[in-house]
Amino acid sequence: MADLEFYFDPVCPFAWMTSKWVRLVASQRALEVDWRFISLRYINGALDYDTSFPEGYERQHTSGLELLRIAHAVRETAGNEGVGRLYEALGRHIFETSLSRRNELTLNTETFVEPILEELGYSPSLKAASADTSADATIQQESDYALSLTGRDVGTPILHFNPPHGTALFGPVISRLPSPEDAVQLWDHVEGLSRFQGFAELKRSLRETPQLQIYQNRS
């Protein structure tokens, strides 16, 4: 059993930043992470995108679902480690890049992901999984399970500590990557809160723009 189940949608910048923090902690601790799926497209499926979100969000969330279908295909052939490698590469190509490269995703998921699959040594044919709706039942099931652990009024990421019986939390939502020392300290605090089954929420609404290249370099 993994120490942590990390539920992610590849197009969520805060999930990506939190995953970078988790990887930083894992590099210093014997921390085993199980990479799991949660789809923002499914979470927001009952909402009217035209009135509930800025322009372009529906396509972005649909792109996330298409990438999760590809991740599901990778899981079938390369297991959890393969999903972790794919998510790490997707994050770099979505958030640690130029705006023009990021825009390739919303134009065509298969074209965007093909060089990433080749970079990782996976078959480029896996790009076709973006349109394979047979994976949707699993993605929906994992999304529903994550929300059953936290309640539905949350976003991504969701972290399930010490599964199957530990507490799951939305977040932490962080806008910048801490130093290695601070990363471990933050982990100890957050994981410590998760040990108390009665813990529900700490929150502030002030957020800075995620400190990611995509938001610094708009070209």
N, C-alpha and C. Protein backbone atom coordinates (compact mmCIF):
# COMPACT_ATOMS: atom_id res chain seq x y z
N MET A 1 0.83 -1.19 0.00
CA MET A 1 0.00 0.00 0.00
C MET A 1 0.87 1.25 0.00
N ALA A 2 0.55 2.19 -0.88
CA ALA A 2 1.33 3.43 -0.97
C ALA A 2 1.13 4.28 0.28
N ASP A 3 2.07 5.18 0.52
CA ASP A 3 1.94 6.14 1.62
C ASP A 3 0.96 7.25 1.28
N LEU A 4 0.78 7.49 -0.02
CA LEU A 4 -0.05 8.61 -0.47
C LEU A 4 -0.70 8.26 -1.80
N GLU A 5 -1.99 8.53 -1.91
CA GLU A 5 -2.67 8.52 -3.19
C GLU A 5 -2.85 9.97 -3.63
N PHE A 6 -2.32 10.28 -4.80
CA PHE A 6 -2.34 11.65 -5.31
C PHE A 6 -3.29 11.69 -6.52
N TYR A 7 -4.42 12.37 -6.35
CA TYR A 7 -5.42 12.47 -7.41
C TYR A 7 -5.19 13.76 -8.19
N PHE A 8 -4.95 13.61 -9.49
CA PHE A 8 -4.56 14.77 -10.30
C PHE A 8 -5.33 14.84 -11.60
N ASP A 9 -5.51 16.06 -12.08
CA ASP A 9 -5.89 16.34 -13.45
C ASP A 9 -4.69 17.05 -14.06
N PRO A 10 -4.19 16.59 -15.21
CA PRO A 10 -2.93 17.14 -15.75
C PRO A 10 -2.98 18.62 -16.08
N VAL A 11 -4.18 19.20 -16.28
CA VAL A 11 -4.23 20.60 -16.69
C VAL A 11 -4.41 21.56 -15.52
N CYS A 12 -4.44 21.04 -14.29
CA CYS A 12 -4.59 21.91 -13.12
C CYS A 12 -3.22 22.41 -12.65
N PRO A 13 -2.98 23.73 -12.69
CA PRO A 13 -1.65 24.23 -12.29
C PRO A 13 -1.36 24.02 -10.81
N PHE A 14 -2.37 24.08 -9.96
CA PHE A 14 -2.12 23.89 -8.54
C PHE A 14 -1.84 22.42 -8.23
N ALA A 15 -2.50 21.51 -8.93
CA ALA A 15 -2.15 20.09 -8.77
C ALA A 15 -0.71 19.85 -9.19
N TRP A 16 -0.30 20.50 -10.28
CA TRP A 16 1.07 20.34 -10.75
C TRP A 16 2.08 20.86 -9.72
N MET A 17 1.82 22.03 -9.16
CA MET A 17 2.73 22.58 -8.17
C MET A 17 2.80 21.68 -6.93
N THR A 18 1.65 21.19 -6.49
CA THR A 18 1.64 20.29 -5.33
C THR A 18 2.37 18.99 -5.64
N SER A 19 2.24 18.51 -6.86
CA SER A 19 2.95 17.28 -7.23
C SER A 19 4.46 17.49 -7.22
N LYS A 20 4.91 18.68 -7.61
CA LYS A 20 6.35 18.98 -7.55
C LYS A 20 6.83 18.95 -6.10
N TRP A 21 6.01 19.49 -5.21
CA TRP A 21 6.34 19.45 -3.78
C TRP A 21 6.40 18.01 -3.27
N VAL A 22 5.41 17.19 -3.64
CA VAL A 22 5.39 15.80 -3.21
C VAL A 22 6.61 15.05 -3.72
N ARG A 23 6.99 15.29 -4.97
CA ARG A 23 8.18 14.62 -5.53
C ARG A 23 9.44 15.08 -4.79
N LEU A 24 9.48 16.34 -4.41
CA LEU A 24 10.63 16.86 -3.67
C LEU A 24 10.73 16.18 -2.31
N VAL A 25 9.60 15.97 -1.66
CA VAL A 25 9.60 15.25 -0.38
C VAL A 25 9.99 13.80 -0.59
N ALA A 26 9.45 13.18 -1.63
CA ALA A 26 9.74 11.77 -1.90
C ALA A 26 11.22 11.54 -2.17
N SER A 27 11.89 12.54 -2.71
CA SER A 27 13.32 12.40 -2.98
C SER A 27 14.15 12.41 -1.70
N GLN A 28 13.53 12.84 -0.59
CA GLN A 28 14.25 12.91 0.69
C GLN A 28 13.72 11.91 1.72
N ARG A 29 12.55 11.40 1.47
CA ARG A 29 11.92 10.45 2.37
C ARG A 29 11.60 9.17 1.60
N ALA A 30 11.42 8.08 2.31
CA ALA A 30 10.97 6.83 1.69
C ALA A 30 9.46 6.92 1.53
N LEU A 31 9.03 7.68 0.53
CA LEU A 31 7.62 7.98 0.32
C LEU A 31 7.17 7.35 -0.99
N GLU A 32 6.18 6.47 -0.90
CA GLU A 32 5.65 5.81 -2.09
C GLU A 32 4.33 6.48 -2.47
N VAL A 33 4.24 6.93 -3.72
CA VAL A 33 3.07 7.67 -4.19
C VAL A 33 2.33 6.85 -5.24
N ASP A 34 1.02 6.75 -5.08
CA ASP A 34 0.15 6.12 -6.06
C ASP A 34 -0.56 7.24 -6.82
N TRP A 35 -0.28 7.34 -8.13
CA TRP A 35 -0.83 8.42 -8.95
C TRP A 35 -2.20 8.00 -9.46
N ARG A 36 -3.23 8.77 -9.06
CA ARG A 36 -4.62 8.42 -9.35
C ARG A 36 -5.29 9.55 -10.15
N PHE A 37 -6.43 9.23 -10.75
CA PHE A 37 -7.08 10.15 -11.67
C PHE A 37 -8.27 10.86 -11.03
N ILE A 38 -8.38 12.15 -11.34
CA ILE A 38 -9.60 12.90 -11.05
C ILE A 38 -9.78 13.91 -12.18
N SER A 39 -10.95 13.96 -12.76
CA SER A 39 -11.19 14.78 -13.94
C SER A 39 -11.97 16.03 -13.60
N LEU A 40 -11.39 17.19 -13.89
CA LEU A 40 -12.10 18.45 -13.71
C LEU A 40 -13.32 18.54 -14.62
N ARG A 41 -13.24 17.87 -15.77
CA ARG A 41 -14.39 17.86 -16.68
C ARG A 41 -15.57 17.14 -16.04
N TYR A 42 -15.29 16.06 -15.31
CA TYR A 42 -16.36 15.35 -14.63
C TYR A 42 -16.84 16.10 -13.39
N ILE A 43 -15.90 16.65 -12.63
CA ILE A 43 -16.28 17.39 -11.42
C ILE A 43 -17.25 18.52 -11.76
N ASN A 44 -17.01 19.18 -12.89
CA ASN A 44 -17.81 20.34 -13.27
C ASN A 44 -18.84 20.01 -14.36
N GLY A 45 -19.12 18.74 -14.53
CA GLY A 45 -19.99 18.32 -15.63
C GLY A 45 -21.39 18.89 -15.57
N ALA A 46 -21.89 19.18 -14.37
CA ALA A 46 -23.26 19.69 -14.23
C ALA A 46 -23.34 21.20 -14.40
N LEU A 47 -22.20 21.86 -14.54
CA LEU A 47 -22.18 23.33 -14.64
C LEU A 47 -22.26 23.78 -16.09
N ASP A 48 -22.76 24.97 -16.29
CA ASP A 48 -22.75 25.62 -17.59
C ASP A 48 -21.42 26.35 -17.74
N TYR A 49 -20.55 25.84 -18.59
CA TYR A 49 -19.22 26.43 -18.72
C TYR A 49 -19.28 27.87 -19.21
N ASP A 50 -20.27 28.21 -20.03
CA ASP A 50 -20.35 29.56 -20.57
C ASP A 50 -20.59 30.60 -19.49
N THR A 51 -21.30 30.23 -18.44
CA THR A 51 -21.61 31.19 -17.38
C THR A 51 -20.79 30.99 -16.11
N SER A 52 -20.18 29.82 -15.95
CA SER A 52 -19.48 29.50 -14.70
C SER A 52 -17.97 29.68 -14.78
N PHE A 53 -17.42 29.74 -16.00
CA PHE A 53 -15.96 29.79 -16.16
C PHE A 53 -15.57 30.82 -17.21
N PRO A 54 -14.32 31.29 -17.16
CA PRO A 54 -13.81 32.14 -18.24
C PRO A 54 -13.78 31.37 -19.56
N GLU A 55 -13.70 32.10 -20.63
CA GLU A 55 -13.65 31.50 -21.96
C GLU A 55 -12.45 30.55 -22.08
N GLY A 56 -12.68 29.41 -22.66
CA GLY A 56 -11.61 28.45 -22.92
C GLY A 56 -11.49 27.35 -21.89
N TYR A 57 -12.18 27.49 -20.75
CA TYR A 57 -12.03 26.49 -19.69
C TYR A 57 -12.62 25.14 -20.08
N GLU A 58 -13.71 25.15 -20.83
CA GLU A 58 -14.31 23.86 -21.20
C GLU A 58 -13.33 23.04 -22.05
N ARG A 59 -12.68 23.70 -23.00
CA ARG A 59 -11.72 22.98 -23.82
C ARG A 59 -10.52 22.52 -22.99
N GLN A 60 -10.05 23.35 -22.07
CA GLN A 60 -8.93 22.96 -21.21
C GLN A 60 -9.29 21.73 -20.39
N HIS A 61 -10.48 21.72 -19.78
CA HIS A 61 -10.87 20.59 -18.96
C HIS A 61 -11.09 19.34 -19.81
N THR A 62 -11.60 19.52 -21.02
CA THR A 62 -11.73 18.38 -21.93
C THR A 62 -10.37 17.83 -22.31
N SER A 63 -9.40 18.71 -22.51
CA SER A 63 -8.03 18.27 -22.78
C SER A 63 -7.49 17.46 -21.62
N GLY A 64 -7.80 17.88 -20.40
CA GLY A 64 -7.37 17.12 -19.23
C GLY A 64 -7.93 15.72 -19.23
N LEU A 65 -9.21 15.59 -19.57
CA LEU A 65 -9.83 14.26 -19.65
C LEU A 65 -9.15 13.42 -20.72
N GLU A 66 -8.85 14.02 -21.86
CA GLU A 66 -8.18 13.28 -22.94
C GLU A 66 -6.80 12.80 -22.50
N LEU A 67 -6.09 13.63 -21.76
CA LEU A 67 -4.78 13.23 -21.25
C LEU A 67 -4.90 12.12 -20.20
N LEU A 68 -5.95 12.16 -19.40
CA LEU A 68 -6.16 11.09 -18.42
C LEU A 68 -6.47 9.77 -19.12
N ARG A 69 -7.16 9.81 -20.24
CA ARG A 69 -7.37 8.58 -21.01
C ARG A 69 -6.05 7.99 -21.46
N ILE A 70 -5.13 8.86 -21.89
CA ILE A 70 -3.80 8.39 -22.29
C ILE A 70 -3.06 7.84 -21.08
N ALA A 71 -3.17 8.52 -19.95
CA ALA A 71 -2.54 8.04 -18.72
C ALA A 71 -3.09 6.67 -18.32
N HIS A 72 -4.37 6.46 -18.53
CA HIS A 72 -4.98 5.16 -18.25
C HIS A 72 -4.36 4.09 -19.14
N ALA A 73 -4.15 4.39 -20.42
CA ALA A 73 -3.52 3.44 -21.33
C ALA A 73 -2.08 3.15 -20.91
N VAL A 74 -1.37 4.18 -20.43
CA VAL A 74 0.00 3.97 -19.94
C VAL A 74 -0.01 3.10 -18.70
N ARG A 75 -0.97 3.32 -17.81
CA ARG A 75 -1.07 2.48 -16.61
C ARG A 75 -1.23 1.01 -16.97
N GLU A 76 -2.00 0.75 -18.03
CA GLU A 76 -2.24 -0.63 -18.44
C GLU A 76 -0.96 -1.33 -18.88
N THR A 77 0.00 -0.57 -19.40
CA THR A 77 1.23 -1.17 -19.92
C THR A 77 2.45 -0.95 -19.03
N ALA A 78 2.47 0.17 -18.29
CA ALA A 78 3.67 0.53 -17.52
C ALA A 78 3.39 0.75 -16.04
N GLY A 79 2.16 0.52 -15.60
CA GLY A 79 1.84 0.58 -14.19
C GLY A 79 1.89 1.98 -13.60
N ASN A 80 1.89 2.04 -12.28
CA ASN A 80 1.86 3.31 -11.56
C ASN A 80 3.11 4.15 -11.85
N GLU A 81 4.25 3.50 -11.93
CA GLU A 81 5.49 4.25 -12.23
C GLU A 81 5.39 4.93 -13.58
N GLY A 82 4.79 4.24 -14.54
CA GLY A 82 4.61 4.83 -15.86
C GLY A 82 3.71 6.04 -15.83
N VAL A 83 2.64 5.98 -15.03
CA VAL A 83 1.75 7.13 -14.89
C VAL A 83 2.49 8.30 -14.26
N GLY A 84 3.30 8.03 -13.24
CA GLY A 84 4.07 9.08 -12.60
C GLY A 84 5.03 9.75 -13.56
N ARG A 85 5.70 8.95 -14.40
CA ARG A 85 6.62 9.51 -15.39
C ARG A 85 5.88 10.36 -16.41
N LEU A 86 4.72 9.85 -16.85
CA LEU A 86 3.94 10.60 -17.83
C LEU A 86 3.46 11.93 -17.24
N TYR A 87 2.93 11.90 -16.02
CA TYR A 87 2.43 13.13 -15.41
C TYR A 87 3.56 14.15 -15.25
N GLU A 88 4.72 13.68 -14.85
CA GLU A 88 5.86 14.60 -14.68
C GLU A 88 6.21 15.25 -16.02
N ALA A 89 6.19 14.47 -17.10
CA ALA A 89 6.51 15.02 -18.42
C ALA A 89 5.40 15.94 -18.93
N LEU A 90 4.16 15.55 -18.71
CA LEU A 90 3.05 16.42 -19.12
C LEU A 90 3.12 17.77 -18.42
N GLY A 91 3.39 17.74 -17.13
CA GLY A 91 3.47 18.99 -16.39
C GLY A 91 4.53 19.92 -16.93
N ARG A 92 5.68 19.36 -17.27
CA ARG A 92 6.75 20.19 -17.84
C ARG A 92 6.32 20.81 -19.16
N HIS A 93 5.64 20.03 -19.99
CA HIS A 93 5.25 20.51 -21.32
C HIS A 93 4.03 21.42 -21.28
N ILE A 94 3.28 21.40 -20.19
CA ILE A 94 2.11 22.27 -20.06
C ILE A 94 2.44 23.55 -19.31
N PHE A 95 3.23 23.44 -18.24
CA PHE A 95 3.42 24.57 -17.33
C PHE A 95 4.84 25.14 -17.32
N GLU A 96 5.83 24.34 -17.65
CA GLU A 96 7.22 24.82 -17.62
C GLU A 96 7.67 25.05 -19.06
N THR A 97 6.93 25.87 -19.79
CA THR A 97 7.14 26.00 -21.22
C THR A 97 6.62 27.34 -21.71
N SER A 98 6.59 27.52 -23.01
CA SER A 98 6.06 28.74 -23.60
C SER A 98 4.55 28.64 -23.79
N LEU A 99 3.90 29.79 -23.92
CA LEU A 99 2.47 29.79 -24.13
C LEU A 99 2.11 29.13 -25.46
N SER A 100 2.95 29.30 -26.46
CA SER A 100 2.66 28.68 -27.76
C SER A 100 2.67 27.16 -27.67
N ARG A 101 3.61 26.60 -26.89
CA ARG A 101 3.63 25.15 -26.70
C ARG A 101 2.40 24.71 -25.92
N ARG A 102 2.03 25.43 -24.88
CA ARG A 102 0.84 25.11 -24.10
C ARG A 102 -0.40 25.12 -24.99
N ASN A 103 -0.49 26.08 -25.91
CA ASN A 103 -1.67 26.19 -26.74
C ASN A 103 -1.84 25.01 -27.69
N GLU A 104 -0.76 24.30 -27.97
CA GLU A 104 -0.87 23.11 -28.81
C GLU A 104 -1.81 22.08 -28.20
N LEU A 105 -1.87 22.06 -26.86
CA LEU A 105 -2.73 21.09 -26.19
C LEU A 105 -4.20 21.36 -26.50
N THR A 106 -4.62 22.62 -26.42
CA THR A 106 -6.02 22.93 -26.66
C THR A 106 -6.40 22.83 -28.13
N LEU A 107 -5.40 22.87 -29.01
CA LEU A 107 -5.68 22.72 -30.43
C LEU A 107 -5.85 21.25 -30.81
N ASN A 108 -4.97 20.39 -30.31
CA ASN A 108 -5.04 18.98 -30.67
C ASN A 108 -4.23 18.17 -29.66
N THR A 109 -4.91 17.37 -28.86
CA THR A 109 -4.25 16.61 -27.81
C THR A 109 -3.27 15.60 -28.37
N GLU A 110 -3.63 14.92 -29.43
CA GLU A 110 -2.74 13.90 -29.99
C GLU A 110 -1.44 14.51 -30.50
N THR A 111 -1.54 15.62 -31.19
CA THR A 111 -0.34 16.29 -31.69
C THR A 111 0.54 16.75 -30.54
N PHE A 112 -0.10 17.27 -29.49
CA PHE A 112 0.64 17.76 -28.33
C PHE A 112 1.39 16.63 -27.63
N VAL A 113 0.74 15.48 -27.45
CA VAL A 113 1.29 14.44 -26.59
C VAL A 113 2.25 13.49 -27.32
N GLU A 114 2.22 13.45 -28.63
CA GLU A 114 3.06 12.49 -29.36
C GLU A 114 4.55 12.63 -29.03
N PRO A 115 5.15 13.85 -29.06
CA PRO A 115 6.57 13.94 -28.72
C PRO A 115 6.86 13.60 -27.26
N ILE A 116 5.89 13.77 -26.38
CA ILE A 116 6.08 13.41 -24.98
C ILE A 116 6.16 11.90 -24.84
N LEU A 117 5.29 11.18 -25.53
CA LEU A 117 5.33 9.72 -25.50
C LEU A 117 6.66 9.21 -26.05
N GLU A 118 7.12 9.82 -27.12
CA GLU A 118 8.41 9.42 -27.70
C GLU A 118 9.55 9.72 -26.74
N GLU A 119 9.49 10.85 -26.07
CA GLU A 119 10.52 11.24 -25.09
C GLU A 119 10.63 10.20 -23.98
N LEU A 120 9.50 9.64 -23.57
CA LEU A 120 9.47 8.67 -22.48
C LEU A 120 9.73 7.24 -22.94
N GLY A 121 9.81 7.03 -24.25
CA GLY A 121 10.03 5.68 -24.76
C GLY A 121 8.76 4.87 -24.86
N TYR A 122 7.59 5.53 -24.81
CA TYR A 122 6.31 4.86 -24.98
C TYR A 122 5.91 4.90 -26.45
N SER A 123 5.08 3.96 -26.84
CA SER A 123 4.63 3.91 -28.23
C SER A 123 3.81 5.16 -28.56
N PRO A 124 4.17 5.85 -29.66
CA PRO A 124 3.37 7.02 -30.07
C PRO A 124 1.92 6.67 -30.36
N SER A 125 1.64 5.39 -30.61
CA SER A 125 0.27 4.98 -30.90
C SER A 125 -0.66 5.19 -29.71
N LEU A 126 -0.07 5.34 -28.51
CA LEU A 126 -0.89 5.57 -27.32
C LEU A 126 -1.64 6.89 -27.38
N LYS A 127 -1.22 7.78 -28.28
CA LYS A 127 -1.90 9.07 -28.39
C LYS A 127 -3.37 8.89 -28.77
N ALA A 128 -3.67 7.80 -29.50
CA ALA A 128 -5.04 7.56 -29.93
C ALA A 128 -5.97 7.30 -28.76
N ALA A 129 -5.41 6.96 -27.60
CA ALA A 129 -6.23 6.71 -26.41
C ALA A 129 -6.96 7.97 -25.97
N SER A 130 -6.56 9.14 -26.43
CA SER A 130 -7.22 10.38 -26.03
C SER A 130 -8.71 10.38 -26.42
N ALA A 131 -9.05 9.61 -27.44
CA ALA A 131 -10.45 9.55 -27.89
C ALA A 131 -11.14 8.26 -27.48
N ASP A 132 -10.45 7.44 -26.69
CA ASP A 132 -10.99 6.13 -26.29
C ASP A 132 -11.83 6.28 -25.03
N THR A 133 -13.13 6.33 -25.19
CA THR A 133 -14.01 6.56 -24.05
C THR A 133 -14.16 5.33 -23.16
N SER A 134 -13.56 4.21 -23.54
CA SER A 134 -13.66 3.02 -22.69
C SER A 134 -12.95 3.23 -21.35
N ALA A 135 -12.01 4.18 -21.29
CA ALA A 135 -11.31 4.48 -20.03
C ALA A 135 -12.14 5.37 -19.11
N ASP A 136 -13.21 5.95 -19.63
CA ASP A 136 -13.94 6.95 -18.86
C ASP A 136 -14.58 6.39 -17.60
N ALA A 137 -15.00 5.12 -17.66
CA ALA A 137 -15.62 4.53 -16.47
C ALA A 137 -14.64 4.49 -15.31
N THR A 138 -13.37 4.15 -15.59
CA THR A 138 -12.35 4.12 -14.54
C THR A 138 -12.05 5.53 -14.03
N ILE A 139 -11.93 6.47 -14.96
CA ILE A 139 -11.65 7.86 -14.57
C ILE A 139 -12.79 8.41 -13.72
N GLN A 140 -14.01 8.14 -14.13
CA GLN A 140 -15.17 8.57 -13.35
C GLN A 140 -15.18 7.92 -11.97
N GLN A 141 -14.89 6.62 -11.92
CA GLN A 141 -14.88 5.90 -10.65
C GLN A 141 -13.84 6.47 -9.70
N GLU A 142 -12.63 6.74 -10.19
CA GLU A 142 -11.59 7.28 -9.33
C GLU A 142 -11.93 8.71 -8.90
N SER A 143 -12.52 9.48 -9.80
CA SER A 143 -12.94 10.84 -9.45
C SER A 143 -13.99 10.80 -8.35
N ASP A 144 -14.98 9.93 -8.52
CA ASP A 144 -16.05 9.81 -7.52
C ASP A 144 -15.51 9.34 -6.18
N TYR A 145 -14.56 8.41 -6.23
CA TYR A 145 -14.00 7.89 -4.98
C TYR A 145 -13.24 8.99 -4.24
N ALA A 146 -12.45 9.77 -4.98
CA ALA A 146 -11.71 10.86 -4.35
C ALA A 146 -12.66 11.84 -3.67
N LEU A 147 -13.75 12.17 -4.36
CA LEU A 147 -14.72 13.12 -3.80
C LEU A 147 -15.49 12.51 -2.64
N SER A 148 -15.64 11.19 -2.63
CA SER A 148 -16.30 10.55 -1.50
C SER A 148 -15.46 10.66 -0.23
N LEU A 149 -14.16 10.85 -0.39
CA LEU A 149 -13.26 10.96 0.75
C LEU A 149 -13.19 12.37 1.32
N THR A 150 -13.51 13.37 0.49
CA THR A 150 -13.36 14.77 0.90
C THR A 150 -14.67 15.54 0.95
N GLY A 151 -15.69 15.06 0.26
CA GLY A 151 -16.86 15.88 -0.03
C GLY A 151 -16.68 16.51 -1.39
N ARG A 152 -17.78 16.93 -2.01
CA ARG A 152 -17.74 17.33 -3.42
C ARG A 152 -17.34 18.79 -3.64
N ASP A 153 -17.36 19.62 -2.63
CA ASP A 153 -17.09 21.04 -2.82
C ASP A 153 -15.59 21.34 -2.76
N VAL A 154 -14.83 20.64 -3.60
CA VAL A 154 -13.38 20.80 -3.65
C VAL A 154 -12.94 20.74 -5.11
N GLY A 155 -11.64 20.97 -5.33
CA GLY A 155 -11.05 20.86 -6.65
C GLY A 155 -9.92 19.85 -6.63
N THR A 156 -8.86 20.18 -7.38
CA THR A 156 -7.69 19.31 -7.43
C THR A 156 -6.47 20.10 -6.98
N PRO A 157 -5.50 19.41 -6.38
CA PRO A 157 -5.41 17.97 -6.19
C PRO A 157 -6.12 17.51 -4.92
N ILE A 158 -6.37 16.20 -4.84
CA ILE A 158 -6.81 15.56 -3.61
C ILE A 158 -5.71 14.59 -3.19
N LEU A 159 -5.30 14.68 -1.93
CA LEU A 159 -4.26 13.81 -1.38
C LEU A 159 -4.88 12.92 -0.31
N HIS A 160 -4.72 11.63 -0.49
CA HIS A 160 -5.22 10.65 0.47
C HIS A 160 -4.01 10.08 1.22
N PHE A 161 -3.87 10.47 2.47
CA PHE A 161 -2.73 10.07 3.28
C PHE A 161 -2.98 8.70 3.91
N ASN A 162 -1.96 7.87 3.88
CA ASN A 162 -2.00 6.55 4.52
C ASN A 162 -3.27 5.78 4.18
N PRO A 163 -3.52 5.57 2.87
CA PRO A 163 -4.72 4.83 2.48
C PRO A 163 -4.60 3.35 2.91
N PRO A 164 -5.73 2.68 3.07
CA PRO A 164 -7.08 3.11 2.71
C PRO A 164 -7.83 3.83 3.83
N HIS A 165 -7.30 3.83 5.05
CA HIS A 165 -8.08 4.33 6.19
C HIS A 165 -7.71 5.75 6.61
N GLY A 166 -6.65 6.32 6.02
CA GLY A 166 -6.25 7.66 6.41
C GLY A 166 -7.17 8.73 5.83
N THR A 167 -6.94 9.97 6.26
CA THR A 167 -7.75 11.10 5.83
C THR A 167 -7.30 11.61 4.47
N ALA A 168 -8.25 12.04 3.67
CA ALA A 168 -7.96 12.68 2.39
C ALA A 168 -8.28 14.16 2.48
N LEU A 169 -7.45 14.99 1.85
CA LEU A 169 -7.61 16.44 1.91
C LEU A 169 -7.50 17.03 0.50
N PHE A 170 -8.23 18.11 0.26
CA PHE A 170 -8.02 18.92 -0.93
C PHE A 170 -6.81 19.80 -0.67
N GLY A 171 -5.80 19.67 -1.53
CA GLY A 171 -4.58 20.45 -1.36
C GLY A 171 -3.50 19.65 -0.65
N PRO A 172 -2.48 20.35 -0.12
CA PRO A 172 -2.41 21.80 0.03
C PRO A 172 -2.27 22.53 -1.31
N VAL A 173 -2.96 23.65 -1.41
CA VAL A 173 -2.85 24.51 -2.58
C VAL A 173 -1.68 25.45 -2.32
N ILE A 174 -0.62 25.31 -3.09
CA ILE A 174 0.57 26.15 -2.92
C ILE A 174 0.90 26.79 -4.26
N SER A 175 1.41 27.99 -4.23
CA SER A 175 1.68 28.74 -5.45
C SER A 175 3.15 28.76 -5.83
N ARG A 176 4.00 28.28 -4.93
CA ARG A 176 5.44 28.25 -5.24
C ARG A 176 6.05 27.00 -4.62
N LEU A 177 7.15 26.56 -5.20
CA LEU A 177 7.82 25.36 -4.71
C LEU A 177 8.73 25.73 -3.55
N PRO A 178 8.56 25.08 -2.40
CA PRO A 178 9.43 25.40 -1.26
C PRO A 178 10.83 24.83 -1.45
N SER A 179 11.76 25.27 -0.62
CA SER A 179 13.09 24.70 -0.61
C SER A 179 13.00 23.25 -0.14
N PRO A 180 14.01 22.43 -0.40
CA PRO A 180 13.96 21.04 0.07
C PRO A 180 13.70 20.93 1.56
N GLU A 181 14.33 21.78 2.36
CA GLU A 181 14.12 21.72 3.81
C GLU A 181 12.69 22.11 4.17
N ASP A 182 12.20 23.20 3.56
CA ASP A 182 10.84 23.64 3.85
C ASP A 182 9.81 22.65 3.33
N ALA A 183 10.14 21.95 2.23
CA ALA A 183 9.21 20.98 1.67
C ALA A 183 8.93 19.87 2.66
N VAL A 184 9.97 19.37 3.29
CA VAL A 184 9.80 18.30 4.27
C VAL A 184 9.04 18.80 5.49
N GLN A 185 9.35 20.01 5.93
CA GLN A 185 8.64 20.58 7.07
C GLN A 185 7.15 20.75 6.76
N LEU A 186 6.84 21.25 5.57
CA LEU A 186 5.44 21.40 5.18
C LEU A 186 4.76 20.04 5.14
N TRP A 187 5.43 19.04 4.60
CA TRP A 187 4.86 17.69 4.57
C TRP A 187 4.52 17.21 5.98
N ASP A 188 5.44 17.39 6.91
CA ASP A 188 5.21 16.92 8.27
C ASP A 188 3.98 17.60 8.89
N HIS A 189 3.82 18.88 8.61
CA HIS A 189 2.67 19.61 9.16
C HIS A 189 1.36 19.12 8.53
N VAL A 190 1.34 19.01 7.20
CA VAL A 190 0.10 18.61 6.52
C VAL A 190 -0.25 17.16 6.84
N GLU A 191 0.75 16.29 6.79
CA GLU A 191 0.50 14.89 7.11
C GLU A 191 0.06 14.75 8.56
N GLY A 192 0.60 15.58 9.44
CA GLY A 192 0.19 15.56 10.83
C GLY A 192 -1.27 15.93 11.01
N LEU A 193 -1.73 16.95 10.29
CA LEU A 193 -3.14 17.33 10.34
C LEU A 193 -4.03 16.19 9.86
N SER A 194 -3.56 15.46 8.85
CA SER A 194 -4.38 14.38 8.29
C SER A 194 -4.58 13.23 9.28
N ARG A 195 -3.73 13.14 10.30
CA ARG A 195 -3.88 12.05 11.25
C ARG A 195 -5.09 12.21 12.16
N PHE A 196 -5.61 13.45 12.25
CA PHE A 196 -6.79 13.69 13.10
C PHE A 196 -8.03 13.60 12.22
N GLN A 197 -8.82 12.56 12.43
CA GLN A 197 -9.97 12.31 11.57
C GLN A 197 -11.00 13.44 11.65
N GLY A 198 -10.97 14.23 12.72
CA GLY A 198 -11.93 15.32 12.84
C GLY A 198 -11.52 16.59 12.13
N PHE A 199 -10.30 16.63 11.55
CA PHE A 199 -9.84 17.84 10.88
C PHE A 199 -10.61 18.04 9.57
N ALA A 200 -11.09 19.26 9.33
CA ALA A 200 -11.87 19.53 8.13
C ALA A 200 -11.22 20.58 7.22
N GLU A 201 -10.83 21.74 7.76
CA GLU A 201 -10.43 22.80 6.84
C GLU A 201 -9.59 23.87 7.52
N LEU A 202 -8.56 24.33 6.80
CA LEU A 202 -7.87 25.60 7.04
C LEU A 202 -7.84 26.30 5.69
N LYS A 203 -8.16 27.58 5.66
CA LYS A 203 -8.24 28.20 4.34
C LYS A 203 -8.05 29.70 4.42
N ARG A 204 -7.45 30.26 3.36
CA ARG A 204 -7.52 31.69 3.11
C ARG A 204 -7.76 31.86 1.62
N SER A 205 -8.43 32.92 1.24
CA SER A 205 -8.81 33.10 -0.16
C SER A 205 -7.75 33.83 -0.98
N LEU A 206 -6.77 34.46 -0.34
CA LEU A 206 -5.71 35.16 -1.06
C LEU A 206 -4.80 34.14 -1.73
N ARG A 207 -4.58 34.32 -3.03
CA ARG A 207 -3.70 33.43 -3.78
C ARG A 207 -2.85 34.26 -4.74
N GLU A 208 -1.58 33.95 -4.82
CA GLU A 208 -0.76 34.56 -5.85
C GLU A 208 -0.77 33.67 -7.08
N THR A 209 -0.40 34.23 -8.20
CA THR A 209 -0.31 33.45 -9.42
C THR A 209 0.73 32.35 -9.23
N PRO A 210 0.43 31.12 -9.64
CA PRO A 210 1.43 30.06 -9.49
C PRO A 210 2.75 30.44 -10.13
N GLN A 211 3.82 30.21 -9.42
CA GLN A 211 5.15 30.60 -9.90
C GLN A 211 5.66 29.53 -10.88
N LEU A 212 5.07 29.55 -12.06
CA LEU A 212 5.37 28.60 -13.12
C LEU A 212 5.71 29.37 -14.39
N GLN A 213 6.55 28.78 -15.22
CA GLN A 213 7.04 29.49 -16.41
C GLN A 213 5.91 29.94 -17.32
N ILE A 214 4.85 29.14 -17.43
CA ILE A 214 3.78 29.46 -18.35
C ILE A 214 3.13 30.80 -18.01
N TYR A 215 3.18 31.19 -16.72
CA TYR A 215 2.57 32.45 -16.32
C TYR A 215 3.57 33.61 -16.31
N GLN A 216 4.84 33.30 -16.42
CA GLN A 216 5.87 34.33 -16.46
C GLN A 216 6.23 34.69 -17.90
N ASN A 217 6.18 33.68 -18.77
CA ASN A 217 6.57 33.88 -20.17
C ASN A 217 5.32 33.71 -21.02
N ARG A 218 4.73 34.81 -21.48
CA ARG A 218 3.47 34.76 -22.19
C ARG A 218 3.62 34.68 -23.69
N SER A 219 4.84 34.36 -24.16
CA SER A 219 5.05 34.29 -25.61
C SER A 219 5.04 32.86 -26.08
